[in-house]
Amino acid sequence: MKTVYGEVTYSRRVYRTEQEDGRTAYIYFLDQAMQMEKIGLISTNLEEKIALTVTESLIVSTQM
């Protein structure tokens, strides 16, 4: 995963569980414990910084 502090490597285990309606679901306890959202290979913090940087650069370029 890429973060604002650099790349972080970690491993996790997937668990199969049955939901109340009987369907099978696969969960990662580590993701739940870290409150990670499913955004791909970058952290939420990095995603926010990228969006802020792009927005700021668009504002500056339109003012020129």
PDB file of N, CA and C in Angstrom:
ATOM      1  N   MET A   1       0.847  -1.160   0.000  1.00  0.00           N
ATOM      2  CA  MET A   1       0.000   0.000   0.000  1.00  0.00           C
ATOM      3  C   MET A   1       0.898   1.230   0.000  1.00  0.00           C
ATOM      4  N   LYS A   2       0.507   2.224  -0.750  1.00  0.00           N
ATOM      5  CA  LYS A   2       1.254   3.476  -0.780  1.00  0.00           C
ATOM      6  C   LYS A   2       0.608   4.452   0.189  1.00  0.00           C
ATOM      7  N   THR A   3       1.441   5.077   1.016  1.00  0.00           N
ATOM      8  CA  THR A   3       0.969   6.058   1.980  1.00  0.00           C
ATOM      9  C   THR A   3       1.755   7.344   1.800  1.00  0.00           C
ATOM     10  N   VAL A   4       1.402   8.384   2.541  1.00  0.00           N
ATOM     11  CA  VAL A   4       2.156   9.635   2.456  1.00  0.00           C
ATOM     12  C   VAL A   4       3.560   9.469   3.017  1.00  0.00           C
ATOM     13  N   TYR A   5       3.797   8.421   3.780  1.00  0.00           N
ATOM     14  CA  TYR A   5       5.116   8.168   4.368  1.00  0.00           C
ATOM     15  C   TYR A   5       5.937   7.195   3.544  1.00  0.00           C
ATOM     16  N   GLY A   6       5.401   6.703   2.447  1.00  0.00           N
ATOM     17  CA  GLY A   6       6.099   5.736   1.613  1.00  0.00           C
ATOM     18  C   GLY A   6       5.271   4.465   1.474  1.00  0.00           C
ATOM     19  N   GLU A   7       5.882   3.469   0.875  1.00  0.00           N
ATOM     20  CA  GLU A   7       5.183   2.211   0.646  1.00  0.00           C
ATOM     21  C   GLU A   7       5.257   1.323   1.883  1.00  0.00           C
ATOM     22  N   VAL A   8       4.135   0.716   2.233  1.00  0.00           N
ATOM     23  CA  VAL A   8       4.041  -0.165   3.390  1.00  0.00           C
ATOM     24  C   VAL A   8       3.613  -1.545   2.897  1.00  0.00           C
ATOM     25  N   THR A   9       4.339  -2.557   3.337  1.00  0.00           N
ATOM     26  CA  THR A   9       3.998  -3.929   2.972  1.00  0.00           C
ATOM     27  C   THR A   9       3.480  -4.646   4.207  1.00  0.00           C
ATOM     28  N   TYR A  10       2.369  -5.339   4.061  1.00  0.00           N
ATOM     29  CA  TYR A  10       1.816  -6.117   5.161  1.00  0.00           C
ATOM     30  C   TYR A  10       1.064  -7.298   4.587  1.00  0.00           C
ATOM     31  N   SER A  11       0.823  -8.272   5.425  1.00  0.00           N
ATOM     32  CA  SER A  11       0.044  -9.422   4.972  1.00  0.00           C
ATOM     33  C   SER A  11      -1.208  -9.525   5.824  1.00  0.00           C
ATOM     34  N   ARG A  12      -2.207 -10.156   5.276  1.00  0.00           N
ATOM     35  CA  ARG A  12      -3.466 -10.296   5.997  1.00  0.00           C
ATOM     36  C   ARG A  12      -4.097 -11.618   5.601  1.00  0.00           C
ATOM     37  N   ARG A  13      -5.003 -12.059   6.393  1.00  0.00           N
ATOM     38  CA  ARG A  13      -5.696 -13.321   6.166  1.00  0.00           C
ATOM     39  C   ARG A  13      -7.167 -13.043   5.869  1.00  0.00           C
ATOM     40  N   VAL A  14      -7.709 -13.741   4.900  1.00  0.00           N
ATOM     41  CA  VAL A  14      -9.115 -13.594   4.576  1.00  0.00           C
ATOM     42  C   VAL A  14      -9.893 -14.688   5.309  1.00  0.00           C
ATOM     43  N   TYR A  15     -11.054 -14.318   5.823  1.00  0.00           N
ATOM     44  CA  TYR A  15     -11.906 -15.263   6.550  1.00  0.00           C
ATOM     45  C   TYR A  15     -13.248 -15.359   5.839  1.00  0.00           C
ATOM     46  N   ARG A  16     -13.744 -16.591   5.736  1.00  0.00           N
ATOM     47  CA  ARG A  16     -15.053 -16.820   5.141  1.00  0.00           C
ATOM     48  C   ARG A  16     -16.068 -16.901   6.269  1.00  0.00           C
ATOM     49  N   THR A  17     -17.191 -16.219   6.104  1.00  0.00           N
ATOM     50  CA  THR A  17     -18.240 -16.225   7.112  1.00  0.00           C
ATOM     51  C   THR A  17     -19.592 -16.308   6.422  1.00  0.00           C
ATOM     52  N   GLU A  18     -20.578 -16.653   7.175  1.00  0.00           N
ATOM     53  CA  GLU A  18     -21.931 -16.712   6.631  1.00  0.00           C
ATOM     54  C   GLU A  18     -22.735 -15.543   7.188  1.00  0.00           C
ATOM     55  N   GLN A  19     -23.372 -14.802   6.298  1.00  0.00           N
ATOM     56  CA  GLN A  19     -24.181 -13.664   6.714  1.00  0.00           C
ATOM     57  C   GLN A  19     -25.535 -14.153   7.219  1.00  0.00           C
ATOM     58  N   GLU A  20     -26.293 -13.242   7.830  1.00  0.00           N
ATOM     59  CA  GLU A  20     -27.601 -13.597   8.381  1.00  0.00           C
ATOM     60  C   GLU A  20     -28.552 -14.155   7.335  1.00  0.00           C
ATOM     61  N   ASP A  21     -28.426 -13.689   6.093  1.00  0.00           N
ATOM     62  CA  ASP A  21     -29.317 -14.166   5.037  1.00  0.00           C
ATOM     63  C   ASP A  21     -28.833 -15.462   4.390  1.00  0.00           C
ATOM     64  N   GLY A  22     -27.736 -16.029   4.918  1.00  0.00           N
ATOM     65  CA  GLY A  22     -27.236 -17.303   4.422  1.00  0.00           C
ATOM     66  C   GLY A  22     -26.165 -17.200   3.352  1.00  0.00           C
ATOM     67  N   ARG A  23     -25.915 -15.991   2.854  1.00  0.00           N
ATOM     68  CA  ARG A  23     -24.884 -15.813   1.829  1.00  0.00           C
ATOM     69  C   ARG A  23     -23.496 -15.873   2.458  1.00  0.00           C
ATOM     70  N   THR A  24     -22.541 -16.298   1.667  1.00  0.00           N
ATOM     71  CA  THR A  24     -21.156 -16.360   2.113  1.00  0.00           C
ATOM     72  C   THR A  24     -20.486 -15.009   1.878  1.00  0.00           C
ATOM     73  N   ALA A  25     -19.719 -14.559   2.856  1.00  0.00           N
ATOM     74  CA  ALA A  25     -18.976 -13.307   2.735  1.00  0.00           C
ATOM     75  C   ALA A  25     -17.528 -13.572   3.119  1.00  0.00           C
ATOM     76  N   TYR A  26     -16.633 -12.814   2.530  1.00  0.00           N
ATOM     77  CA  TYR A  26     -15.207 -12.914   2.837  1.00  0.00           C
ATOM     78  C   TYR A  26     -14.765 -11.593   3.456  1.00  0.00           C
ATOM     79  N   ILE A  27     -14.127 -11.676   4.610  1.00  0.00           N
ATOM     80  CA  ILE A  27     -13.747 -10.460   5.329  1.00  0.00           C
ATOM     81  C   ILE A  27     -12.277 -10.518   5.732  1.00  0.00           C
ATOM     82  N   TYR A  28     -11.707  -9.345   5.915  1.00  0.00           N
ATOM     83  CA  TYR A  28     -10.352  -9.191   6.428  1.00  0.00           C
ATOM     84  C   TYR A  28     -10.462  -8.485   7.772  1.00  0.00           C
ATOM     85  N   PHE A  29     -10.144  -9.187   8.845  1.00  0.00           N
ATOM     86  CA  PHE A  29     -10.226  -8.577  10.172  1.00  0.00           C
ATOM     87  C   PHE A  29      -9.263  -7.396  10.304  1.00  0.00           C
ATOM     88  N   LEU A  30      -8.085  -7.501   9.672  1.00  0.00           N
ATOM     89  CA  LEU A  30      -7.111  -6.413   9.744  1.00  0.00           C
ATOM     90  C   LEU A  30      -7.687  -5.134   9.138  1.00  0.00           C
ATOM     91  N   ASP A  31      -8.348  -5.258   7.997  1.00  0.00           N
ATOM     92  CA  ASP A  31      -8.959  -4.089   7.363  1.00  0.00           C
ATOM     93  C   ASP A  31      -9.997  -3.456   8.277  1.00  0.00           C
ATOM     94  N   GLN A  32     -10.799  -4.292   8.934  1.00  0.00           N
ATOM     95  CA  GLN A  32     -11.818  -3.765   9.850  1.00  0.00           C
ATOM     96  C   GLN A  32     -11.164  -3.087  11.046  1.00  0.00           C
ATOM     97  N   ALA A  33     -10.127  -3.697  11.605  1.00  0.00           N
ATOM     98  CA  ALA A  33      -9.459  -3.130  12.777  1.00  0.00           C
ATOM     99  C   ALA A  33      -8.789  -1.798  12.451  1.00  0.00           C
ATOM    100  N   MET A  34      -8.256  -1.692  11.242  1.00  0.00           N
ATOM    101  CA  MET A  34      -7.589  -0.453  10.825  1.00  0.00           C
ATOM    102  C   MET A  34      -8.556   0.531  10.193  1.00  0.00           C
ATOM    103  N   GLN A  35      -9.827   0.158  10.108  1.00  0.00           N
ATOM    104  CA  GLN A  35     -10.872   0.984   9.496  1.00  0.00           C
ATOM    105  C   GLN A  35     -10.469   1.428   8.092  1.00  0.00           C
ATOM    106  N   MET A  36      -9.974   0.462   7.332  1.00  0.00           N
ATOM    107  CA  MET A  36      -9.541   0.748   5.964  1.00  0.00           C
ATOM    108  C   MET A  36     -10.719   0.666   5.027  1.00  0.00           C
ATOM    109  N   GLU A  37     -10.812   1.655   4.169  1.00  0.00           N
ATOM    110  CA  GLU A  37     -11.843   1.650   3.148  1.00  0.00           C
ATOM    111  C   GLU A  37     -11.285   0.964   1.908  1.00  0.00           C
ATOM    112  N   LYS A  38     -12.157   0.459   1.089  1.00  0.00           N
ATOM    113  CA  LYS A  38     -11.713  -0.242  -0.112  1.00  0.00           C
ATOM    114  C   LYS A  38     -11.484   0.762  -1.226  1.00  0.00           C
ATOM    115  N   ILE A  39     -10.278   1.305  -1.276  1.00  0.00           N
ATOM    116  CA  ILE A  39      -9.954   2.293  -2.300  1.00  0.00           C
ATOM    117  C   ILE A  39      -8.820   1.849  -3.190  1.00  0.00           C
ATOM    118  N   GLY A  40      -8.375   0.638  -3.036  1.00  0.00           N
ATOM    119  CA  GLY A  40      -7.292   0.155  -3.886  1.00  0.00           C
ATOM    120  C   GLY A  40      -5.977   0.059  -3.133  1.00  0.00           C
ATOM    121  N   LEU A  41      -4.915   0.466  -3.788  1.00  0.00           N
ATOM    122  CA  LEU A  41      -3.581   0.279  -3.230  1.00  0.00           C
ATOM    123  C   LEU A  41      -3.001   1.523  -2.583  1.00  0.00           C
ATOM    124  N   ILE A  42      -3.833   2.525  -2.314  1.00  0.00           N
ATOM    125  CA  ILE A  42      -3.332   3.717  -1.625  1.00  0.00           C
ATOM    126  C   ILE A  42      -4.165   3.969  -0.379  1.00  0.00           C
ATOM    127  N   SER A  43      -3.562   4.611   0.607  1.00  0.00           N
ATOM    128  CA  SER A  43      -4.274   4.894   1.845  1.00  0.00           C
ATOM    129  C   SER A  43      -5.263   6.040   1.646  1.00  0.00           C
ATOM    130  N   THR A  44      -6.223   6.123   2.535  1.00  0.00           N
ATOM    131  CA  THR A  44      -7.219   7.202   2.471  1.00  0.00           C
ATOM    132  C   THR A  44      -6.532   8.563   2.594  1.00  0.00           C
ATOM    133  N   ASN A  45      -5.540   8.659   3.479  1.00  0.00           N
ATOM    134  CA  ASN A  45      -4.825   9.914   3.681  1.00  0.00           C
ATOM    135  C   ASN A  45      -4.123  10.345   2.390  1.00  0.00           C
ATOM    136  N   LEU A  46      -3.483   9.417   1.708  1.00  0.00           N
ATOM    137  CA  LEU A  46      -2.805   9.746   0.455  1.00  0.00           C
ATOM    138  C   LEU A  46      -3.820  10.145  -0.606  1.00  0.00           C
ATOM    139  N   GLU A  47      -4.939   9.455  -0.663  1.00  0.00           N
ATOM    140  CA  GLU A  47      -5.989   9.795  -1.621  1.00  0.00           C
ATOM    141  C   GLU A  47      -6.468  11.232  -1.411  1.00  0.00           C
ATOM    142  N   GLU A  48      -6.654  11.618  -0.148  1.00  0.00           N
ATOM    143  CA  GLU A  48      -7.100  12.978   0.165  1.00  0.00           C
ATOM    144  C   GLU A  48      -6.046  14.001  -0.241  1.00  0.00           C
ATOM    145  N   LYS A  49      -4.774  13.704  -0.001  1.00  0.00           N
ATOM    146  CA  LYS A  49      -3.708  14.635  -0.375  1.00  0.00           C
ATOM    147  C   LYS A  49      -3.609  14.783  -1.889  1.00  0.00           C
ATOM    148  N   ILE A  50      -3.785  13.692  -2.630  1.00  0.00           N
ATOM    149  CA  ILE A  50      -3.764  13.762  -4.091  1.00  0.00           C
ATOM    150  C   ILE A  50      -4.912  14.639  -4.584  1.00  0.00           C
ATOM    151  N   ALA A  51      -6.102  14.427  -4.049  1.00  0.00           N
ATOM    152  CA  ALA A  51      -7.264  15.222  -4.457  1.00  0.00           C
ATOM    153  C   ALA A  51      -7.053  16.703  -4.137  1.00  0.00           C
ATOM    154  N   LEU A  52      -6.498  16.997  -2.974  1.00  0.00           N
ATOM    155  CA  LEU A  52      -6.242  18.385  -2.580  1.00  0.00           C
ATOM    156  C   LEU A  52      -5.213  19.028  -3.504  1.00  0.00           C
ATOM    157  N   THR A  53      -4.149  18.311  -3.818  1.00  0.00           N
ATOM    158  CA  THR A  53      -3.108  18.837  -4.693  1.00  0.00           C
ATOM    159  C   THR A  53      -3.648  19.120  -6.091  1.00  0.00           C
ATOM    160  N   VAL A  54      -4.438  18.197  -6.626  1.00  0.00           N
ATOM    161  CA  VAL A  54      -5.015  18.389  -7.955  1.00  0.00           C
ATOM    162  C   VAL A  54      -5.950  19.588  -7.951  1.00  0.00           C
ATOM    163  N   THR A  55      -6.774  19.685  -6.923  1.00  0.00           N
ATOM    164  CA  THR A  55      -7.718  20.806  -6.828  1.00  0.00           C
ATOM    165  C   THR A  55      -6.982  22.133  -6.736  1.00  0.00           C
ATOM    166  N   GLU A  56      -5.946  22.191  -5.903  1.00  0.00           N
ATOM    167  CA  GLU A  56      -5.180  23.428  -5.749  1.00  0.00           C
ATOM    168  C   GLU A  56      -4.468  23.812  -7.046  1.00  0.00           C
ATOM    169  N   SER A  57      -3.939  22.814  -7.759  1.00  0.00           N
ATOM    170  CA  SER A  57      -3.241  23.126  -9.008  1.00  0.00           C
ATOM    171  C   SER A  57      -4.223  23.608 -10.073  1.00  0.00           C
ATOM    172  N   LEU A  58      -5.454  23.080 -10.072  1.00  0.00           N
ATOM    173  CA  LEU A  58      -6.474  23.548 -11.011  1.00  0.00           C
ATOM    174  C   LEU A  58      -6.860  24.990 -10.721  1.00  0.00           C
ATOM    175  N   ILE A  59      -6.969  25.323  -9.444  1.00  0.00           N
ATOM    176  CA  ILE A  59      -7.322  26.692  -9.066  1.00  0.00           C
ATOM    177  C   ILE A  59      -6.223  27.657  -9.501  1.00  0.00           C
ATOM    178  N   VAL A  60      -4.970  27.297  -9.257  1.00  0.00           N
ATOM    179  CA  VAL A  60      -3.838  28.146  -9.631  1.00  0.00           C
ATOM    180  C   VAL A  60      -3.772  28.294 -11.146  1.00  0.00           C
ATOM    181  N   SER A  61      -3.954  27.210 -11.894  1.00  0.00           N
ATOM    182  CA  SER A  61      -3.840  27.292 -13.355  1.00  0.00           C
ATOM    183  C   SER A  61      -4.978  28.117 -13.972  1.00  0.00           C
ATOM    184  N   THR A  62      -6.147  28.139 -13.362  1.00  0.00           N
ATOM    185  CA  THR A  62      -7.248  28.944 -13.911  1.00  0.00           C
ATOM    186  C   THR A  62      -7.093  30.419 -13.567  1.00  0.00           C
ATOM    187  N   GLN A  63      -6.281  30.715 -12.554  1.00  0.00           N
ATOM    188  CA  GLN A  63      -6.068  32.118 -12.179  1.00  0.00           C
ATOM    189  C   GLN A  63      -4.987  32.776 -13.004  1.00  0.00           C
ATOM    190  N   MET A  64      -4.235  31.994 -13.770  1.00  0.00           N
ATOM    191  CA  MET A  64      -3.129  32.559 -14.564  1.00  0.00           C
ATOM    192  C   MET A  64      -3.614  33.091 -15.867  1.00  0.00           C
TER     193      MET A  64
END
